[in-house]
Amino acid sequence: MNKRFFIHKITVYHFNEDESVSKMYFNEVYFRHNKKTNLIDKGLEKGSTGSIIIPTIEKLDISTDDYLIEGIIKDEFNLNDLQQKYQAFKVVSVDDNRKGSLQHFKIGVSE
């Protein structure tokens, strides 16, 4: 993978089995997101999505219940507060692609 594209940093808020929340920080990831607004019968609705590539050979503990924010965020998890300060994304897919020479995780997110 070409390292020049891996310029983003992210914070993942992971929900553990004991219902506690832990933070994971990742440097040098690729984060592409599309900001969209959809017109529905009740007005406008945000519909932003994104894809994150995390190059790694290690197993990552990220699941579809987790939340992700671009940048290194030190705030504790409170979804309402985080959504007011940052663009928070919910993880909707996790693909483990640690095979071959381009080992990585691909994370799909939605606002």
PDB file of N, CA and C in Angstrom:
ATOM      1  N   MET A   1       0.841  -1.180   0.000  1.00  0.00           N
ATOM      2  CA  MET A   1       0.000   0.000   0.000  1.00  0.00           C
ATOM      3  C   MET A   1       0.885   1.242   0.000  1.00  0.00           C
ATOM      4  N   ASN A   2       0.443   2.234  -0.696  1.00  0.00           N
ATOM      5  CA  ASN A   2       1.198   3.478  -0.783  1.00  0.00           C
ATOM      6  C   ASN A   2       0.934   4.321   0.458  1.00  0.00           C
ATOM      7  N   LYS A   3       1.946   4.544   1.271  1.00  0.00           N
ATOM      8  CA  LYS A   3       1.803   5.238   2.565  1.00  0.00           C
ATOM      9  C   LYS A   3       1.349   6.688   2.424  1.00  0.00           C
ATOM     10  N   ARG A   4       1.512   7.302   1.263  1.00  0.00           N
ATOM     11  CA  ARG A   4       1.145   8.720   1.130  1.00  0.00           C
ATOM     12  C   ARG A   4      -0.354   8.968   1.243  1.00  0.00           C
ATOM     13  N   PHE A   5      -1.175   7.919   1.083  1.00  0.00           N
ATOM     14  CA  PHE A   5      -2.626   8.061   1.218  1.00  0.00           C
ATOM     15  C   PHE A   5      -3.098   7.876   2.655  1.00  0.00           C
ATOM     16  N   PHE A   6      -2.251   7.345   3.519  1.00  0.00           N
ATOM     17  CA  PHE A   6      -2.632   7.026   4.894  1.00  0.00           C
ATOM     18  C   PHE A   6      -2.236   8.179   5.812  1.00  0.00           C
ATOM     19  N   ILE A   7      -2.966   9.287   5.675  1.00  0.00           N
ATOM     20  CA  ILE A   7      -2.619  10.523   6.373  1.00  0.00           C
ATOM     21  C   ILE A   7      -3.619  10.885   7.465  1.00  0.00           C
ATOM     22  N   HIS A   8      -4.651  10.092   7.636  1.00  0.00           N
ATOM     23  CA  HIS A   8      -5.700  10.415   8.599  1.00  0.00           C
ATOM     24  C   HIS A   8      -5.471   9.721   9.937  1.00  0.00           C
ATOM     25  N   LYS A   9      -6.110  10.256  10.970  1.00  0.00           N
ATOM     26  CA  LYS A   9      -6.109   9.677  12.302  1.00  0.00           C
ATOM     27  C   LYS A   9      -7.554   9.505  12.725  1.00  0.00           C
ATOM     28  N   ILE A  10      -7.836   8.426  13.460  1.00  0.00           N
ATOM     29  CA  ILE A  10      -9.202   8.197  13.923  1.00  0.00           C
ATOM     30  C   ILE A  10      -9.195   7.729  15.373  1.00  0.00           C
ATOM     31  N   THR A  11     -10.333   7.948  16.024  1.00  0.00           N
ATOM     32  CA  THR A  11     -10.587   7.421  17.358  1.00  0.00           C
ATOM     33  C   THR A  11     -11.803   6.511  17.259  1.00  0.00           C
ATOM     34  N   VAL A  12     -11.674   5.297  17.791  1.00  0.00           N
ATOM     35  CA  VAL A  12     -12.773   4.339  17.809  1.00  0.00           C
ATOM     36  C   VAL A  12     -13.218   4.159  19.253  1.00  0.00           C
ATOM     37  N   TYR A  13     -14.495   4.341  19.493  1.00  0.00           N
ATOM     38  CA  TYR A  13     -15.104   4.057  20.801  1.00  0.00           C
ATOM     39  C   TYR A  13     -15.705   2.664  20.699  1.00  0.00           C
ATOM     40  N   HIS A  14     -15.091   1.709  21.406  1.00  0.00           N
ATOM     41  CA  HIS A  14     -15.480   0.301  21.327  1.00  0.00           C
ATOM     42  C   HIS A  14     -16.273  -0.099  22.564  1.00  0.00           C
ATOM     43  N   PHE A  15     -17.406  -0.768  22.343  1.00  0.00           N
ATOM     44  CA  PHE A  15     -18.248  -1.251  23.434  1.00  0.00           C
ATOM     45  C   PHE A  15     -17.813  -2.665  23.802  1.00  0.00           C
ATOM     46  N   ASN A  16     -17.333  -2.824  25.027  1.00  0.00           N
ATOM     47  CA  ASN A  16     -16.871  -4.117  25.526  1.00  0.00           C
ATOM     48  C   ASN A  16     -18.054  -4.965  25.993  1.00  0.00           C
ATOM     49  N   GLU A  17     -17.791  -6.247  26.205  1.00  0.00           N
ATOM     50  CA  GLU A  17     -18.846  -7.165  26.641  1.00  0.00           C
ATOM     51  C   GLU A  17     -19.430  -6.783  27.996  1.00  0.00           C
ATOM     52  N   ASP A  18     -18.632  -6.149  28.862  1.00  0.00           N
ATOM     53  CA  ASP A  18     -19.125  -5.743  30.185  1.00  0.00           C
ATOM     54  C   ASP A  18     -19.810  -4.374  30.145  1.00  0.00           C
ATOM     55  N   GLU A  19     -20.114  -3.893  28.931  1.00  0.00           N
ATOM     56  CA  GLU A  19     -20.820  -2.634  28.674  1.00  0.00           C
ATOM     57  C   GLU A  19     -19.983  -1.384  28.956  1.00  0.00           C
ATOM     58  N   SER A  20     -18.698  -1.557  29.234  1.00  0.00           N
ATOM     59  CA  SER A  20     -17.802  -0.399  29.343  1.00  0.00           C
ATOM     60  C   SER A  20     -17.383   0.021  27.928  1.00  0.00           C
ATOM     61  N   VAL A  21     -16.839   1.226  27.813  1.00  0.00           N
ATOM     62  CA  VAL A  21     -16.414   1.746  26.517  1.00  0.00           C
ATOM     63  C   VAL A  21     -14.913   2.021  26.583  1.00  0.00           C
ATOM     64  N   SER A  22     -14.197   1.478  25.621  1.00  0.00           N
ATOM     65  CA  SER A  22     -12.765   1.757  25.537  1.00  0.00           C
ATOM     66  C   SER A  22     -12.483   2.521  24.245  1.00  0.00           C
ATOM     67  N   LYS A  23     -11.382   3.298  24.270  1.00  0.00           N
ATOM     68  CA  LYS A  23     -10.989   4.081  23.101  1.00  0.00           C
ATOM     69  C   LYS A  23      -9.776   3.447  22.451  1.00  0.00           C
ATOM     70  N   MET A  24      -9.778   3.450  21.127  1.00  0.00           N
ATOM     71  CA  MET A  24      -8.629   2.999  20.353  1.00  0.00           C
ATOM     72  C   MET A  24      -8.255   4.124  19.402  1.00  0.00           C
ATOM     73  N   TYR A  25      -6.966   4.398  19.318  1.00  0.00           N
ATOM     74  CA  TYR A  25      -6.461   5.446  18.440  1.00  0.00           C
ATOM     75  C   TYR A  25      -5.669   4.809  17.308  1.00  0.00           C
ATOM     76  N   PHE A  26      -5.907   5.303  16.096  1.00  0.00           N
ATOM     77  CA  PHE A  26      -5.183   4.799  14.932  1.00  0.00           C
ATOM     78  C   PHE A  26      -4.607   5.981  14.157  1.00  0.00           C
ATOM     79  N   ASN A  27      -3.316   5.931  13.917  1.00  0.00           N
ATOM     80  CA  ASN A  27      -2.624   6.899  13.072  1.00  0.00           C
ATOM     81  C   ASN A  27      -2.376   6.244  11.721  1.00  0.00           C
ATOM     82  N   GLU A  28      -2.197   7.036  10.713  1.00  0.00           N
ATOM     83  CA  GLU A  28      -1.860   6.559   9.373  1.00  0.00           C
ATOM     84  C   GLU A  28      -2.900   5.595   8.812  1.00  0.00           C
ATOM     85  N   VAL A  29      -4.145   6.052   8.761  1.00  0.00           N
ATOM     86  CA  VAL A  29      -5.218   5.294   8.123  1.00  0.00           C
ATOM     87  C   VAL A  29      -5.717   6.093   6.922  1.00  0.00           C
ATOM     88  N   TYR A  30      -6.422   5.409   6.043  1.00  0.00           N
ATOM     89  CA  TYR A  30      -7.073   6.070   4.907  1.00  0.00           C
ATOM     90  C   TYR A  30      -8.549   6.217   5.262  1.00  0.00           C
ATOM     91  N   PHE A  31      -9.065   7.434   5.189  1.00  0.00           N
ATOM     92  CA  PHE A  31     -10.463   7.707   5.539  1.00  0.00           C
ATOM     93  C   PHE A  31     -11.084   8.521   4.415  1.00  0.00           C
ATOM     94  N   ARG A  32     -12.019   7.898   3.712  1.00  0.00           N
ATOM     95  CA  ARG A  32     -12.756   8.607   2.659  1.00  0.00           C
ATOM     96  C   ARG A  32     -14.206   8.655   3.096  1.00  0.00           C
ATOM     97  N   HIS A  33     -14.753   9.885   3.153  1.00  0.00           N
ATOM     98  CA  HIS A  33     -16.167   9.977   3.503  1.00  0.00           C
ATOM     99  C   HIS A  33     -16.881  10.904   2.553  1.00  0.00           C
ATOM    100  N   ASN A  34     -18.153  10.605   2.373  1.00  0.00           N
ATOM    101  CA  ASN A  34     -19.025  11.353   1.479  1.00  0.00           C
ATOM    102  C   ASN A  34     -20.105  12.018   2.312  1.00  0.00           C
ATOM    103  N   LYS A  35     -20.139  13.337   2.290  1.00  0.00           N
ATOM    104  CA  LYS A  35     -21.191  14.052   3.012  1.00  0.00           C
ATOM    105  C   LYS A  35     -22.388  14.189   2.080  1.00  0.00           C
ATOM    106  N   LYS A  36     -23.523  13.676   2.544  1.00  0.00           N
ATOM    107  CA  LYS A  36     -24.743  13.727   1.747  1.00  0.00           C
ATOM    108  C   LYS A  36     -25.893  14.232   2.609  1.00  0.00           C
ATOM    109  N   THR A  37     -26.828  14.861   1.958  1.00  0.00           N
ATOM    110  CA  THR A  37     -28.081  15.244   2.591  1.00  0.00           C
ATOM    111  C   THR A  37     -29.200  14.762   1.681  1.00  0.00           C
ATOM    112  N   ASN A  38     -30.115  14.021   2.245  1.00  0.00           N
ATOM    113  CA  ASN A  38     -31.228  13.475   1.476  1.00  0.00           C
ATOM    114  C   ASN A  38     -32.498  14.270   1.763  1.00  0.00           C
ATOM    115  N   LEU A  39     -33.268  14.522   0.727  1.00  0.00           N
ATOM    116  CA  LEU A  39     -34.556  15.186   0.862  1.00  0.00           C
ATOM    117  C   LEU A  39     -35.623  14.113   1.048  1.00  0.00           C
ATOM    118  N   ILE A  40     -36.281  14.141   2.199  1.00  0.00           N
ATOM    119  CA  ILE A  40     -37.364  13.201   2.472  1.00  0.00           C
ATOM    120  C   ILE A  40     -38.631  13.990   2.736  1.00  0.00           C
ATOM    121  N   ASP A  41     -39.759  13.308   2.889  1.00  0.00           N
ATOM    122  CA  ASP A  41     -41.037  13.991   3.052  1.00  0.00           C
ATOM    123  C   ASP A  41     -41.102  14.841   4.319  1.00  0.00           C
ATOM    124  N   LYS A  42     -40.254  14.581   5.309  1.00  0.00           N
ATOM    125  CA  LYS A  42     -40.262  15.350   6.556  1.00  0.00           C
ATOM    126  C   LYS A  42     -39.157  16.406   6.599  1.00  0.00           C
ATOM    127  N   GLY A  43     -38.461  16.601   5.494  1.00  0.00           N
ATOM    128  CA  GLY A  43     -37.391  17.603   5.465  1.00  0.00           C
ATOM    129  C   GLY A  43     -36.086  17.000   4.994  1.00  0.00           C
ATOM    130  N   LEU A  44     -34.967  17.530   5.518  1.00  0.00           N
ATOM    131  CA  LEU A  44     -33.646  17.060   5.131  1.00  0.00           C
ATOM    132  C   LEU A  44     -33.141  16.042   6.144  1.00  0.00           C
ATOM    133  N   GLU A  45     -32.406  15.055   5.642  1.00  0.00           N
ATOM    134  CA  GLU A  45     -31.846  14.019   6.493  1.00  0.00           C
ATOM    135  C   GLU A  45     -30.388  13.815   6.102  1.00  0.00           C
ATOM    136  N   LYS A  46     -29.498  13.782   7.106  1.00  0.00           N
ATOM    137  CA  LYS A  46     -28.093  13.518   6.828  1.00  0.00           C
ATOM    138  C   LYS A  46     -27.934  12.067   6.443  1.00  0.00           C
ATOM    139  N   GLY A  47     -27.033  11.812   5.520  1.00  0.00           N
ATOM    140  CA  GLY A  47     -26.799  10.442   5.081  1.00  0.00           C
ATOM    141  C   GLY A  47     -25.349  10.186   4.746  1.00  0.00           C
ATOM    142  N   SER A  48     -24.430  10.777   5.488  1.00  0.00           N
ATOM    143  CA  SER A  48     -23.009  10.640   5.190  1.00  0.00           C
ATOM    144  C   SER A  48     -22.522   9.225   5.464  1.00  0.00           C
ATOM    145  N   THR A  49     -21.612   8.757   4.597  1.00  0.00           N
ATOM    146  CA  THR A  49     -21.020   7.435   4.740  1.00  0.00           C
ATOM    147  C   THR A  49     -19.511   7.557   4.584  1.00  0.00           C
ATOM    148  N   GLY A  50     -18.815   6.490   4.894  1.00  0.00           N
ATOM    149  CA  GLY A  50     -17.369   6.518   4.743  1.00  0.00           C
ATOM    150  C   GLY A  50     -16.765   5.137   4.739  1.00  0.00           C
ATOM    151  N   SER A  51     -15.511   5.085   4.289  1.00  0.00           N
ATOM    152  CA  SER A  51     -14.712   3.864   4.299  1.00  0.00           C
ATOM    153  C   SER A  51     -13.367   4.183   4.915  1.00  0.00           C
ATOM    154  N   ILE A  52     -12.908   3.300   5.785  1.00  0.00           N
ATOM    155  CA  ILE A  52     -11.625   3.470   6.439  1.00  0.00           C
ATOM    156  C   ILE A  52     -10.797   2.219   6.179  1.00  0.00           C
ATOM    157  N   ILE A  53      -9.556   2.421   5.780  1.00  0.00           N
ATOM    158  CA  ILE A  53      -8.615   1.324   5.603  1.00  0.00           C
ATOM    159  C   ILE A  53      -7.564   1.457   6.701  1.00  0.00           C
ATOM    160  N   ILE A  54      -7.408   0.400   7.509  1.00  0.00           N
ATOM    161  CA  ILE A  54      -6.410   0.378   8.577  1.00  0.00           C
ATOM    162  C   ILE A  54      -5.398  -0.711   8.229  1.00  0.00           C
ATOM    163  N   PRO A  55      -4.200  -0.313   7.744  1.00  0.00           N
ATOM    164  CA  PRO A  55      -3.203  -1.336   7.413  1.00  0.00           C
ATOM    165  C   PRO A  55      -2.647  -1.959   8.696  1.00  0.00           C
ATOM    166  N   THR A  56      -2.781  -3.266   8.837  1.00  0.00           N
ATOM    167  CA  THR A  56      -2.295  -3.960  10.024  1.00  0.00           C
ATOM    168  C   THR A  56      -2.239  -5.456   9.772  1.00  0.00           C
ATOM    169  N   ILE A  57      -1.383  -6.114  10.524  1.00  0.00           N
ATOM    170  CA  ILE A  57      -1.358  -7.578  10.509  1.00  0.00           C
ATOM    171  C   ILE A  57      -1.977  -8.126  11.795  1.00  0.00           C
ATOM    172  N   GLU A  58      -2.296  -7.221  12.728  1.00  0.00           N
ATOM    173  CA  GLU A  58      -2.866  -7.605  14.018  1.00  0.00           C
ATOM    174  C   GLU A  58      -4.388  -7.687  13.951  1.00  0.00           C
ATOM    175  N   LYS A  59      -4.963  -8.510  14.804  1.00  0.00           N
ATOM    176  CA  LYS A  59      -6.423  -8.611  14.921  1.00  0.00           C
ATOM    177  C   LYS A  59      -6.947  -7.377  15.641  1.00  0.00           C
ATOM    178  N   LEU A  60      -7.963  -6.732  15.094  1.00  0.00           N
ATOM    179  CA  LEU A  60      -8.565  -5.552  15.708  1.00  0.00           C
ATOM    180  C   LEU A  60      -9.918  -5.922  16.299  1.00  0.00           C
ATOM    181  N   ASP A  61     -10.195  -5.382  17.465  1.00  0.00           N
ATOM    182  CA  ASP A  61     -11.459  -5.637  18.143  1.00  0.00           C
ATOM    183  C   ASP A  61     -12.405  -4.470  17.873  1.00  0.00           C
ATOM    184  N   ILE A  62     -12.935  -4.433  16.656  1.00  0.00           N
ATOM    185  CA  ILE A  62     -13.885  -3.398  16.236  1.00  0.00           C
ATOM    186  C   ILE A  62     -15.144  -4.114  15.772  1.00  0.00           C
ATOM    187  N   SER A  63     -16.312  -3.619  16.207  1.00  0.00           N
ATOM    188  CA  SER A  63     -17.568  -4.276  15.835  1.00  0.00           C
ATOM    189  C   SER A  63     -18.586  -3.246  15.351  1.00  0.00           C
ATOM    190  N   THR A  64     -19.711  -3.735  14.886  1.00  0.00           N
ATOM    191  CA  THR A  64     -20.731  -2.864  14.308  1.00  0.00           C
ATOM    192  C   THR A  64     -21.496  -2.060  15.350  1.00  0.00           C
ATOM    193  N   ASP A  65     -21.217  -2.229  16.620  1.00  0.00           N
ATOM    194  CA  ASP A  65     -21.833  -1.400  17.664  1.00  0.00           C
ATOM    195  C   ASP A  65     -20.968  -0.194  18.021  1.00  0.00           C
ATOM    196  N   ASP A  66     -19.784  -0.093  17.436  1.00  0.00           N
ATOM    197  CA  ASP A  66     -18.823   0.941  17.807  1.00  0.00           C
ATOM    198  C   ASP A  66     -19.083   2.255  17.068  1.00  0.00           C
ATOM    199  N   TYR A  67     -18.470   3.312  17.586  1.00  0.00           N
ATOM    200  CA  TYR A  67     -18.532   4.634  16.960  1.00  0.00           C
ATOM    201  C   TYR A  67     -17.122   5.097  16.644  1.00  0.00           C
ATOM    202  N   LEU A  68     -17.004   5.947  15.642  1.00  0.00           N
ATOM    203  CA  LEU A  68     -15.716   6.387  15.143  1.00  0.00           C
ATOM    204  C   LEU A  68     -15.762   7.882  14.858  1.00  0.00           C
ATOM    205  N   ILE A  69     -14.686   8.567  15.174  1.00  0.00           N
ATOM    206  CA  ILE A  69     -14.560   9.998  14.890  1.00  0.00           C
ATOM    207  C   ILE A  69     -13.214  10.230  14.250  1.00  0.00           C
ATOM    208  N   GLU A  70     -13.174  11.080  13.235  1.00  0.00           N
ATOM    209  CA  GLU A  70     -11.906  11.416  12.598  1.00  0.00           C
ATOM    210  C   GLU A  70     -11.099  12.303  13.541  1.00  0.00           C
ATOM    211  N   GLY A  71      -9.827  11.949  13.723  1.00  0.00           N
ATOM    212  CA  GLY A  71      -8.941  12.689  14.605  1.00  0.00           C
ATOM    213  C   GLY A  71      -8.721  11.938  15.909  1.00  0.00           C
ATOM    214  N   ILE A  72      -7.763  12.420  16.690  1.00  0.00           N
ATOM    215  CA  ILE A  72      -7.485  11.847  18.006  1.00  0.00           C
ATOM    216  C   ILE A  72      -8.315  12.624  19.016  1.00  0.00           C
ATOM    217  N   ILE A  73      -9.325  11.966  19.589  1.00  0.00           N
ATOM    218  CA  ILE A  73     -10.297  12.600  20.472  1.00  0.00           C
ATOM    219  C   ILE A  73     -10.081  12.078  21.885  1.00  0.00           C
ATOM    220  N   LYS A  74      -9.920  12.971  22.837  1.00  0.00           N
ATOM    221  CA  LYS A  74      -9.688  12.573  24.230  1.00  0.00           C
ATOM    222  C   LYS A  74     -10.982  12.525  25.046  1.00  0.00           C
ATOM    223  N   ASP A  75     -12.096  13.025  24.500  1.00  0.00           N
ATOM    224  CA  ASP A  75     -13.370  13.066  25.221  1.00  0.00           C
ATOM    225  C   ASP A  75     -13.843  11.657  25.577  1.00  0.00           C
ATOM    226  N   GLU A  76     -14.493  11.543  26.742  1.00  0.00           N
ATOM    227  CA  GLU A  76     -15.124  10.288  27.115  1.00  0.00           C
ATOM    228  C   GLU A  76     -16.375  10.097  26.258  1.00  0.00           C
ATOM    229  N   PHE A  77     -16.869   8.860  26.181  1.00  0.00           N
ATOM    230  CA  PHE A  77     -18.010   8.583  25.323  1.00  0.00           C
ATOM    231  C   PHE A  77     -19.309   9.074  25.931  1.00  0.00           C
ATOM    232  N   ASN A  78     -19.921  10.014  25.236  1.00  0.00           N
ATOM    233  CA  ASN A  78     -21.284  10.472  25.468  1.00  0.00           C
ATOM    234  C   ASN A  78     -21.775  10.857  24.076  1.00  0.00           C
ATOM    235  N   LEU A  79     -22.604  10.032  23.486  1.00  0.00           N
ATOM    236  CA  LEU A  79     -22.956  10.184  22.082  1.00  0.00           C
ATOM    237  C   LEU A  79     -23.518  11.567  21.764  1.00  0.00           C
ATOM    238  N   ASN A  80     -24.404  12.087  22.593  1.00  0.00           N
ATOM    239  CA  ASN A  80     -24.991  13.403  22.322  1.00  0.00           C
ATOM    240  C   ASN A  80     -23.926  14.496  22.313  1.00  0.00           C
ATOM    241  N   ASP A  81     -23.029  14.485  23.298  1.00  0.00           N
ATOM    242  CA  ASP A  81     -21.962  15.485  23.354  1.00  0.00           C
ATOM    243  C   ASP A  81     -21.019  15.358  22.165  1.00  0.00           C
ATOM    244  N   LEU A  82     -20.653  14.128  21.828  1.00  0.00           N
ATOM    245  CA  LEU A  82     -19.739  13.915  20.706  1.00  0.00           C
ATOM    246  C   LEU A  82     -20.362  14.367  19.386  1.00  0.00           C
ATOM    247  N   GLN A  83     -21.646  14.093  19.196  1.00  0.00           N
ATOM    248  CA  GLN A  83     -22.311  14.495  17.954  1.00  0.00           C
ATOM    249  C   GLN A  83     -22.429  16.007  17.823  1.00  0.00           C
ATOM    250  N   GLN A  84     -22.495  16.718  18.938  1.00  0.00           N
ATOM    251  CA  GLN A  84     -22.547  18.178  18.882  1.00  0.00           C
ATOM    252  C   GLN A  84     -21.192  18.779  18.550  1.00  0.00           C
ATOM    253  N   LYS A  85     -20.106  18.126  18.980  1.00  0.00           N
ATOM    254  CA  LYS A  85     -18.761  18.653  18.774  1.00  0.00           C
ATOM    255  C   LYS A  85     -18.086  18.141  17.504  1.00  0.00           C
ATOM    256  N   TYR A  86     -18.397  16.908  17.090  1.00  0.00           N
ATOM    257  CA  TYR A  86     -17.697  16.247  15.989  1.00  0.00           C
ATOM    258  C   TYR A  86     -18.694  15.567  15.061  1.00  0.00           C
ATOM    259  N   GLN A  87     -18.183  15.107  13.937  1.00  0.00           N
ATOM    260  CA  GLN A  87     -18.988  14.272  13.048  1.00  0.00           C
ATOM    261  C   GLN A  87     -18.741  12.825  13.472  1.00  0.00           C
ATOM    262  N   ALA A  88     -19.689  12.248  14.196  1.00  0.00           N
ATOM    263  CA  ALA A  88     -19.557  10.883  14.715  1.00  0.00           C
ATOM    264  C   ALA A  88     -20.173   9.906  13.722  1.00  0.00           C
ATOM    265  N   PHE A  89     -19.475   8.815  13.483  1.00  0.00           N
ATOM    266  CA  PHE A  89     -19.932   7.781  12.571  1.00  0.00           C
ATOM    267  C   PHE A  89     -20.155   6.481  13.333  1.00  0.00           C
ATOM    268  N   LYS A  90     -21.194   5.742  12.958  1.00  0.00           N
ATOM    269  CA  LYS A  90     -21.438   4.407  13.520  1.00  0.00           C
ATOM    270  C   LYS A  90     -20.820   3.382  12.576  1.00  0.00           C
ATOM    271  N   VAL A  91     -20.127   2.420  13.131  1.00  0.00           N
ATOM    272  CA  VAL A  91     -19.528   1.364  12.322  1.00  0.00           C
ATOM    273  C   VAL A  91     -20.646   0.444  11.828  1.00  0.00           C
ATOM    274  N   VAL A  92     -20.727   0.248  10.513  1.00  0.00           N
ATOM    275  CA  VAL A  92     -21.771  -0.600   9.935  1.00  0.00           C
ATOM    276  C   VAL A  92     -21.214  -1.879   9.309  1.00  0.00           C
ATOM    277  N   SER A  93     -19.900  -1.921   9.059  1.00  0.00           N
ATOM    278  CA  SER A  93     -19.291  -3.143   8.531  1.00  0.00           C
ATOM    279  C   SER A  93     -17.812  -3.185   8.896  1.00  0.00           C
ATOM    280  N   VAL A  94     -17.329  -4.408   9.111  1.00  0.00           N
ATOM    281  CA  VAL A  94     -15.918  -4.630   9.414  1.00  0.00           C
ATOM    282  C   VAL A  94     -15.459  -5.809   8.569  1.00  0.00           C
ATOM    283  N   ASP A  95     -14.491  -5.557   7.686  1.00  0.00           N
ATOM    284  CA  ASP A  95     -13.955  -6.607   6.819  1.00  0.00           C
ATOM    285  C   ASP A  95     -12.504  -6.869   7.183  1.00  0.00           C
ATOM    286  N   ASP A  96     -12.198  -8.101   7.560  1.00  0.00           N
ATOM    287  CA  ASP A  96     -10.845  -8.524   7.902  1.00  0.00           C
ATOM    288  C   ASP A  96     -10.161  -9.000   6.624  1.00  0.00           C
ATOM    289  N   ASN A  97      -9.269  -8.174   6.088  1.00  0.00           N
ATOM    290  CA  ASN A  97      -8.563  -8.493   4.846  1.00  0.00           C
ATOM    291  C   ASN A  97      -7.073  -8.695   5.120  1.00  0.00           C
ATOM    292  N   ARG A  98      -6.759  -9.489   6.137  1.00  0.00           N
ATOM    293  CA  ARG A  98      -5.361  -9.726   6.494  1.00  0.00           C
ATOM    294  C   ARG A  98      -4.819 -10.962   5.779  1.00  0.00           C
ATOM    295  N   LYS A  99      -4.964 -10.972   4.479  1.00  0.00           N
ATOM    296  CA  LYS A  99      -4.460 -12.064   3.656  1.00  0.00           C
ATOM    297  C   LYS A  99      -3.573 -11.470   2.573  1.00  0.00           C
ATOM    298  N   GLY A 100      -2.571 -12.186   2.161  1.00  0.00           N
ATOM    299  CA  GLY A 100      -1.725 -11.721   1.065  1.00  0.00           C
ATOM    300  C   GLY A 100      -0.792 -10.604   1.484  1.00  0.00           C
ATOM    301  N   SER A 101      -0.392  -9.803   0.528  1.00  0.00           N
ATOM    302  CA  SER A 101       0.617  -8.769   0.777  1.00  0.00           C
ATOM    303  C   SER A 101       0.020  -7.423   1.188  1.00  0.00           C
ATOM    304  N   LEU A 102      -1.272  -7.212   1.036  1.00  0.00           N
ATOM    305  CA  LEU A 102      -1.917  -5.942   1.383  1.00  0.00           C
ATOM    306  C   LEU A 102      -2.827  -6.134   2.598  1.00  0.00           C
ATOM    307  N   GLN A 103      -2.271  -6.507   3.718  1.00  0.00           N
ATOM    308  CA  GLN A 103      -3.063  -6.837   4.898  1.00  0.00           C
ATOM    309  C   GLN A 103      -3.642  -5.580   5.539  1.00  0.00           C
ATOM    310  N   HIS A 104      -4.981  -5.616   5.757  1.00  0.00           N
ATOM    311  CA  HIS A 104      -5.669  -4.452   6.313  1.00  0.00           C
ATOM    312  C   HIS A 104      -7.065  -4.838   6.797  1.00  0.00           C
ATOM    313  N   PHE A 105      -7.661  -3.925   7.565  1.00  0.00           N
ATOM    314  CA  PHE A 105      -9.069  -3.998   7.906  1.00  0.00           C
ATOM    315  C   PHE A 105      -9.762  -2.880   7.133  1.00  0.00           C
ATOM    316  N   LYS A 106     -10.947  -3.169   6.620  1.00  0.00           N
ATOM    317  CA  LYS A 106     -11.755  -2.148   5.961  1.00  0.00           C
ATOM    318  C   LYS A 106     -13.007  -1.947   6.786  1.00  0.00           C
ATOM    319  N   ILE A 107     -13.218  -0.717   7.244  1.00  0.00           N
ATOM    320  CA  ILE A 107     -14.340  -0.376   8.104  1.00  0.00           C
ATOM    321  C   ILE A 107     -15.319   0.500   7.315  1.00  0.00           C
ATOM    322  N   GLY A 108     -16.585   0.118   7.295  1.00  0.00           N
ATOM    323  CA  GLY A 108     -17.628   0.936   6.688  1.00  0.00           C
ATOM    324  C   GLY A 108     -18.383   1.672   7.786  1.00  0.00           C
ATOM    325  N   VAL A 109     -18.635   2.968   7.558  1.00  0.00           N
ATOM    326  CA  VAL A 109     -19.319   3.773   8.573  1.00  0.00           C
ATOM    327  C   VAL A 109     -20.458   4.565   7.953  1.00  0.00           C
ATOM    328  N   SER A 110     -21.399   4.962   8.810  1.00  0.00           N
ATOM    329  CA  SER A 110     -22.532   5.775   8.399  1.00  0.00           C
ATOM    330  C   SER A 110     -22.841   6.763   9.522  1.00  0.00           C
ATOM    331  N   GLU A 111     -23.252   7.969   9.154  1.00  0.00           N
ATOM    332  CA  GLU A 111     -23.548   8.991  10.153  1.00  0.00           C
ATOM    333  C   GLU A 111     -24.897   8.764  10.795  1.00  0.00           C
TER     334      GLU A 111
END
